[in-house]
């Protein structure tokens, strides 16, 4: 009886541990996805800012060329 009880406790611990690990893995994956989305958003903002700056510079050059 003691062996069966010990086996049941060990098996229960392993199963509970694997469920906890699965939840941690899922949460870590969600965090990673959120971090990736934030990086994509930051990169898109930087690209938009650079495009805006380039358009401004081009407009300034056109103004300078027409002023001469």
PDB file of N, CA and C in Angstrom:
ATOM      1  N   UNK A   1       0.817  -1.193   0.000  1.00  0.00           N
ATOM      2  CA  UNK A   1       0.000   0.000   0.000  1.00  0.00           C
ATOM      3  C   UNK A   1       0.865   1.262   0.000  1.00  0.00           C
ATOM      4  N   UNK A   2       1.972   1.222   0.713  1.00  0.00           N
ATOM      5  CA  UNK A   2       2.846   2.382   0.797  1.00  0.00           C
ATOM      6  C   UNK A   2       3.456   2.700  -0.558  1.00  0.00           C
ATOM      7  N   UNK A   3       3.829   1.674  -1.292  1.00  0.00           N
ATOM      8  CA  UNK A   3       4.396   1.899  -2.628  1.00  0.00           C
ATOM      9  C   UNK A   3       3.387   2.557  -3.547  1.00  0.00           C
ATOM     10  N   UNK A   4       2.150   2.074  -3.498  1.00  0.00           N
ATOM     11  CA  UNK A   4       1.115   2.647  -4.357  1.00  0.00           C
ATOM     12  C   UNK A   4       0.849   4.104  -3.972  1.00  0.00           C
ATOM     13  N   UNK A   5       0.846   4.387  -2.683  1.00  0.00           N
ATOM     14  CA  UNK A   5       0.612   5.768  -2.237  1.00  0.00           C
ATOM     15  C   UNK A   5       1.756   6.661  -2.689  1.00  0.00           C
ATOM     16  N   UNK A   6       2.989   6.177  -2.553  1.00  0.00           N
ATOM     17  CA  UNK A   6       4.156   6.945  -2.970  1.00  0.00           C
ATOM     18  C   UNK A   6       4.129   7.171  -4.478  1.00  0.00           C
ATOM     19  N   UNK A   7       3.760   6.147  -5.226  1.00  0.00           N
ATOM     20  CA  UNK A   7       3.660   6.267  -6.673  1.00  0.00           C
ATOM     21  C   UNK A   7       2.577   7.280  -7.060  1.00  0.00           C
ATOM     22  N   UNK A   8       1.444   7.230  -6.367  1.00  0.00           N
ATOM     23  CA  UNK A   8       0.351   8.160  -6.652  1.00  0.00           C
ATOM     24  C   UNK A   8       0.784   9.601  -6.357  1.00  0.00           C
ATOM     25  N   UNK A   9       1.480   9.827  -5.254  1.00  0.00           N
ATOM     26  CA  UNK A   9       1.942  11.164  -4.903  1.00  0.00           C
ATOM     27  C   UNK A   9       2.946  11.657  -5.936  1.00  0.00           C
ATOM     28  N   UNK A  10       3.874  10.788  -6.324  1.00  0.00           N
ATOM     29  CA  UNK A  10       4.885  11.161  -7.312  1.00  0.00           C
ATOM     30  C   UNK A  10       4.235  11.499  -8.648  1.00  0.00           C
ATOM     31  N   UNK A  11       3.317  10.665  -9.078  1.00  0.00           N
ATOM     32  CA  UNK A  11       2.622  10.895 -10.343  1.00  0.00           C
ATOM     33  C   UNK A  11       1.805  12.187 -10.282  1.00  0.00           C
ATOM     34  N   UNK A  12       1.127  12.418  -9.184  1.00  0.00           N
ATOM     35  CA  UNK A  12       0.353  13.642  -9.012  1.00  0.00           C
ATOM     36  C   UNK A  12       1.230  14.873  -9.057  1.00  0.00           C
ATOM     37  N   UNK A  13       2.402  14.795  -8.444  1.00  0.00           N
ATOM     38  CA  UNK A  13       3.335  15.915  -8.452  1.00  0.00           C
ATOM     39  C   UNK A  13       3.828  16.190  -9.862  1.00  0.00           C
ATOM     40  N   UNK A  14       4.147  15.146 -10.595  1.00  0.00           N
ATOM     41  CA  UNK A  14       4.607  15.320 -11.969  1.00  0.00           C
ATOM     42  C   UNK A  14       3.528  15.957 -12.847  1.00  0.00           C
ATOM     43  N   UNK A  15       2.295  15.491 -12.686  1.00  0.00           N
ATOM     44  CA  UNK A  15       1.202  16.049 -13.477  1.00  0.00           C
ATOM     45  C   UNK A  15       0.944  17.499 -13.110  1.00  0.00           C
ATOM     46  N   UNK A  16       0.955  17.818 -11.850  1.00  0.00           N
ATOM     47  CA  UNK A  16       0.738  19.199 -11.422  1.00  0.00           C
ATOM     48  C   UNK A  16       1.869  20.086 -11.919  1.00  0.00           C
ATOM     49  N   UNK A  17       3.080  19.579 -11.903  1.00  0.00           N
ATOM     50  CA  UNK A  17       4.230  20.344 -12.389  1.00  0.00           C
ATOM     51  C   UNK A  17       4.142  20.615 -13.878  1.00  0.00           C
ATOM     52  N   UNK A  18       3.670  19.637 -14.634  1.00  0.00           N
ATOM     53  CA  UNK A  18       3.587  19.844 -16.082  1.00  0.00           C
ATOM     54  C   UNK A  18       2.493  20.843 -16.436  1.00  0.00           C
ATOM     55  N   UNK A  19       1.434  20.879 -15.667  1.00  0.00           N
ATOM     56  CA  UNK A  19       0.379  21.863 -15.917  1.00  0.00           C
ATOM     57  C   UNK A  19       0.906  23.255 -15.618  1.00  0.00           C
ATOM     58  N   UNK A  20       1.634  23.402 -14.528  1.00  0.00           N
ATOM     59  CA  UNK A  20       2.221  24.693 -14.184  1.00  0.00           C
ATOM     60  C   UNK A  20       3.219  25.141 -15.234  1.00  0.00           C
ATOM     61  N   UNK A  21       4.004  24.222 -15.716  1.00  0.00           N
ATOM     62  CA  UNK A  21       4.990  24.564 -16.746  1.00  0.00           C
ATOM     63  C   UNK A  21       4.298  25.017 -18.021  1.00  0.00           C
ATOM     64  N   UNK A  22       3.206  24.342 -18.370  1.00  0.00           N
ATOM     65  CA  UNK A  22       2.471  24.708 -19.583  1.00  0.00           C
ATOM     66  C   UNK A  22       1.938  26.133 -19.469  1.00  0.00           C
ATOM     67  N   UNK A  23       1.401  26.453 -18.283  1.00  0.00           N
ATOM     68  CA  UNK A  23       0.864  27.796 -18.083  1.00  0.00           C
ATOM     69  C   UNK A  23       1.982  28.832 -18.181  1.00  0.00           C
ATOM     70  N   UNK A  24       3.137  28.539 -17.579  1.00  0.00           N
ATOM     71  CA  UNK A  24       4.269  29.458 -17.641  1.00  0.00           C
ATOM     72  C   UNK A  24       4.750  29.639 -19.070  1.00  0.00           C
ATOM     73  N   UNK A  25       4.773  28.553 -19.812  1.00  0.00           N
ATOM     74  CA  UNK A  25       5.208  28.620 -21.207  1.00  0.00           C
ATOM     75  C   UNK A  25       4.245  29.476 -22.015  1.00  0.00           C
ATOM     76  N   UNK A  26       2.956  29.291 -21.782  1.00  0.00           N
ATOM     77  CA  UNK A  26       1.946  30.069 -22.504  1.00  0.00           C
ATOM     78  C   UNK A  26       2.071  31.555 -22.154  1.00  0.00           C
ATOM     79  N   UNK A  27       2.245  31.852 -20.867  1.00  0.00           N
ATOM     80  CA  UNK A  27       2.386  33.245 -20.451  1.00  0.00           C
ATOM     81  C   UNK A  27       3.653  33.863 -21.030  1.00  0.00           C
ATOM     82  N   UNK A  28       4.730  33.097 -21.047  1.00  0.00           N
ATOM     83  CA  UNK A  28       5.976  33.596 -21.621  1.00  0.00           C
ATOM     84  C   UNK A  28       5.810  33.867 -23.111  1.00  0.00           C
ATOM     85  N   UNK A  29       5.090  32.998 -23.803  1.00  0.00           N
ATOM     86  CA  UNK A  29       4.840  33.196 -25.235  1.00  0.00           C
ATOM     87  C   UNK A  29       3.997  34.447 -25.469  1.00  0.00           C
ATOM     88  N   UNK A  30       3.007  34.663 -24.605  1.00  0.00           N
ATOM     89  CA  UNK A  30       2.188  35.874 -24.726  1.00  0.00           C
ATOM     90  C   UNK A  30       3.032  37.120 -24.495  1.00  0.00           C
ATOM     91  N   UNK A  31       3.904  37.080 -23.483  1.00  0.00           N
ATOM     92  CA  UNK A  31       4.786  38.218 -23.204  1.00  0.00           C
ATOM     93  C   UNK A  31       5.716  38.484 -24.380  1.00  0.00           C
ATOM     94  N   UNK A  32       6.241  37.421 -24.963  1.00  0.00           N
ATOM     95  CA  UNK A  32       7.144  37.559 -26.109  1.00  0.00           C
ATOM     96  C   UNK A  32       6.402  38.169 -27.294  1.00  0.00           C
ATOM     97  N   UNK A  33       5.171  37.732 -27.509  1.00  0.00           N
ATOM     98  CA  UNK A  33       4.371  38.279 -28.609  1.00  0.00           C
ATOM     99  C   UNK A  33       4.085  39.765 -28.381  1.00  0.00           C
ATOM    100  N   UNK A  34       3.792  40.131 -27.132  1.00  0.00           N
ATOM    101  CA  UNK A  34       3.542  41.539 -26.825  1.00  0.00           C
ATOM    102  C   UNK A  34       4.802  42.375 -27.043  1.00  0.00           C
ATOM    103  N   UNK A  35       5.945  41.841 -26.613  1.00  0.00           N
ATOM    104  CA  UNK A  35       7.213  42.551 -26.816  1.00  0.00           C
ATOM    105  C   UNK A  35       7.500  42.741 -28.305  1.00  0.00           C
ATOM    106  N   UNK A  36       7.245  41.702 -29.088  1.00  0.00           N
ATOM    107  CA  UNK A  36       7.472  41.789 -30.531  1.00  0.00           C
ATOM    108  C   UNK A  36       6.542  42.829 -31.163  1.00  0.00           C
ATOM    109  N   UNK A  37       5.299  42.848 -30.716  1.00  0.00           N
ATOM    110  CA  UNK A  37       4.350  43.837 -31.249  1.00  0.00           C
ATOM    111  C   UNK A  37       4.798  45.253 -30.894  1.00  0.00           C
ATOM    112  N   UNK A  38       5.294  45.436 -29.678  1.00  0.00           N
ATOM    113  CA  UNK A  38       5.796  46.754 -29.275  1.00  0.00           C
ATOM    114  C   UNK A  38       6.984  47.181 -30.136  1.00  0.00           C
ATOM    115  N   UNK A  39       7.881  46.239 -30.415  1.00  0.00           N
ATOM    116  CA  UNK A  39       9.046  46.557 -31.244  1.00  0.00           C
ATOM    117  C   UNK A  39       8.623  46.917 -32.665  1.00  0.00           C
ATOM    118  N   UNK A  40       7.654  46.196 -33.196  1.00  0.00           N
ATOM    119  CA  UNK A  40       7.157  46.494 -34.543  1.00  0.00           C
ATOM    120  C   UNK A  40       6.534  47.887 -34.563  1.00  0.00           C
ATOM    121  N   UNK A  41       5.762  48.200 -33.533  1.00  0.00           N
ATOM    122  CA  UNK A  41       5.136  49.523 -33.459  1.00  0.00           C
ATOM    123  C   UNK A  41       6.190  50.623 -33.374  1.00  0.00           C
ATOM    124  N   UNK A  42       7.213  50.409 -32.538  1.00  0.00           N
ATOM    125  CA  UNK A  42       8.295  51.398 -32.420  1.00  0.00           C
ATOM    126  C   UNK A  42       9.027  51.586 -33.747  1.00  0.00           C
ATOM    127  N   UNK A  43       9.300  50.484 -34.424  1.00  0.00           N
ATOM    128  CA  UNK A  43       9.989  50.545 -35.708  1.00  0.00           C
ATOM    129  C   UNK A  43       9.139  51.284 -36.741  1.00  0.00           C
ATOM    130  N   UNK A  44       7.848  51.028 -36.738  1.00  0.00           N
ATOM    131  CA  UNK A  44       6.952  51.710 -37.676  1.00  0.00           C
ATOM    132  C   UNK A  44       6.917  53.211 -37.392  1.00  0.00           C
ATOM    133  N   UNK A  45       6.892  53.574 -36.115  1.00  0.00           N
ATOM    134  CA  UNK A  45       6.911  55.003 -35.767  1.00  0.00           C
ATOM    135  C   UNK A  45       8.201  55.663 -36.228  1.00  0.00           C
ATOM    136  N   UNK A  46       9.329  54.988 -36.011  1.00  0.00           N
ATOM    137  CA  UNK A  46      10.618  55.543 -36.433  1.00  0.00           C
ATOM    138  C   UNK A  46      10.664  55.698 -37.953  1.00  0.00           C
ATOM    139  N   UNK A  47      10.145  54.696 -38.666  1.00  0.00           N
ATOM    140  CA  UNK A  47      10.129  54.769 -40.126  1.00  0.00           C
ATOM    141  C   UNK A  47       9.241  55.925 -40.588  1.00  0.00           C
ATOM    142  N   UNK A  48       8.101  56.109 -39.932  1.00  0.00           N
ATOM    143  CA  UNK A  48       7.221  57.223 -40.265  1.00  0.00           C
ATOM    144  C   UNK A  48       7.888  58.561 -40.012  1.00  0.00           C
ATOM    145  N   UNK A  49       8.605  58.640 -38.888  1.00  0.00           N
ATOM    146  CA  UNK A  49       9.323  59.883 -38.581  1.00  0.00           C
ATOM    147  C   UNK A  49      10.403  60.171 -39.618  1.00  0.00           C
ATOM    148  N   UNK A  50      11.122  59.138 -40.030  1.00  0.00           N
ATOM    149  CA  UNK A  50      12.170  59.326 -41.044  1.00  0.00           C
ATOM    150  C   UNK A  50      11.567  59.748 -42.377  1.00  0.00           C
ATOM    151  N   UNK A  51      10.441  59.157 -42.740  1.00  0.00           N
ATOM    152  CA  UNK A  51       9.782  59.531 -43.991  1.00  0.00           C
ATOM    153  C   UNK A  51       9.313  60.982 -43.931  1.00  0.00           C
ATOM    154  N   UNK A  52       8.794  61.364 -42.792  1.00  0.00           N
ATOM    155  CA  UNK A  52       8.346  62.748 -42.617  1.00  0.00           C
ATOM    156  C   UNK A  52       9.526  63.713 -42.714  1.00  0.00           C
ATOM    157  N   UNK A  53      10.643  63.348 -42.074  1.00  0.00           N
ATOM    158  CA  UNK A  53      11.844  64.186 -42.146  1.00  0.00           C
ATOM    159  C   UNK A  53      12.361  64.294 -43.584  1.00  0.00           C
ATOM    160  N   UNK A  54      12.347  63.177 -44.295  1.00  0.00           N
ATOM    161  CA  UNK A  54      12.813  63.185 -45.685  1.00  0.00           C
ATOM    162  C   UNK A  54      11.920  64.063 -46.551  1.00  0.00           C
ATOM    163  N   UNK A  55      10.619  63.995 -46.329  1.00  0.00           N
ATOM    164  CA  UNK A  55       9.696  64.828 -47.098  1.00  0.00           C
ATOM    165  C   UNK A  55       9.926  66.310 -46.788  1.00  0.00           C
ATOM    166  N   UNK A  56      10.187  66.608 -45.523  1.00  0.00           N
ATOM    167  CA  UNK A  56      10.471  67.997 -45.142  1.00  0.00           C
ATOM    168  C   UNK A  56      11.740  68.507 -45.807  1.00  0.00           C
ATOM    169  N   UNK A  57      12.783  67.688 -45.798  1.00  0.00           N
ATOM    170  CA  UNK A  57      14.051  68.077 -46.428  1.00  0.00           C
ATOM    171  C   UNK A  57      13.863  68.294 -47.928  1.00  0.00           C
ATOM    172  N   UNK A  58      13.090  67.396 -48.549  1.00  0.00           N
ATOM    173  CA  UNK A  58      12.837  67.532 -49.988  1.00  0.00           C
ATOM    174  C   UNK A  58      12.072  68.823 -50.273  1.00  0.00           C
ATOM    175  N   UNK A  59      11.102  69.126 -49.424  1.00  0.00           N
ATOM    176  CA  UNK A  59      10.356  70.369 -49.589  1.00  0.00           C
ATOM    177  C   UNK A  59      11.247  71.584 -49.409  1.00  0.00           C
ATOM    178  N   UNK A  60      12.154  71.512 -48.440  1.00  0.00           N
ATOM    179  CA  UNK A  60      13.095  72.625 -48.230  1.00  0.00           C
ATOM    180  C   UNK A  60      14.002  72.817 -49.440  1.00  0.00           C
ATOM    181  N   UNK A  61      14.452  71.714 -50.022  1.00  0.00           N
ATOM    182  CA  UNK A  61      15.324  71.808 -51.202  1.00  0.00           C
ATOM    183  C   UNK A  61      14.569  72.409 -52.382  1.00  0.00           C
ATOM    184  N   UNK A  62      13.320  72.034 -52.526  1.00  0.00           N
ATOM    185  CA  UNK A  62      12.512  72.599 -53.619  1.00  0.00           C
ATOM    186  C   UNK A  62      12.331  74.097 -53.407  1.00  0.00           C
ATOM    187  N   UNK A  63      12.044  74.485 -52.176  1.00  0.00           N
ATOM    188  CA  UNK A  63      11.894  75.916 -51.877  1.00  0.00           C
ATOM    189  C   UNK A  63      13.200  76.667 -52.160  1.00  0.00           C
ATOM    190  N   UNK A  64      14.316  76.079 -51.731  1.00  0.00           N
ATOM    191  CA  UNK A  64      15.607  76.722 -51.979  1.00  0.00           C
ATOM    192  C   UNK A  64      15.880  76.856 -53.468  1.00  0.00           C
ATOM    193  N   UNK A  65      15.541  75.833 -54.232  1.00  0.00           N
ATOM    194  CA  UNK A  65      15.801  75.852 -55.674  1.00  0.00           C
ATOM    195  C   UNK A  65      14.915  76.895 -56.367  1.00  0.00           C
ATOM    196  N   UNK A  66      13.681  77.056 -55.904  1.00  0.00           N
ATOM    197  CA  UNK A  66      12.788  78.024 -56.557  1.00  0.00           C
ATOM    198  C   UNK A  66      13.073  79.455 -56.108  1.00  0.00           C
ATOM    199  N   UNK A  67      13.705  79.603 -54.945  1.00  0.00           N
ATOM    200  CA  UNK A  67      14.053  80.950 -54.475  1.00  0.00           C
ATOM    201  C   UNK A  67      15.204  81.548 -55.255  1.00  0.00           C
ATOM    202  N   UNK A  68      16.050  80.735 -55.829  1.00  0.00           N
ATOM    203  CA  UNK A  68      17.255  81.218 -56.514  1.00  0.00           C
ATOM    204  C   UNK A  68      16.975  81.737 -57.870  1.00  0.00           C
TER     205      UNK A  68
END
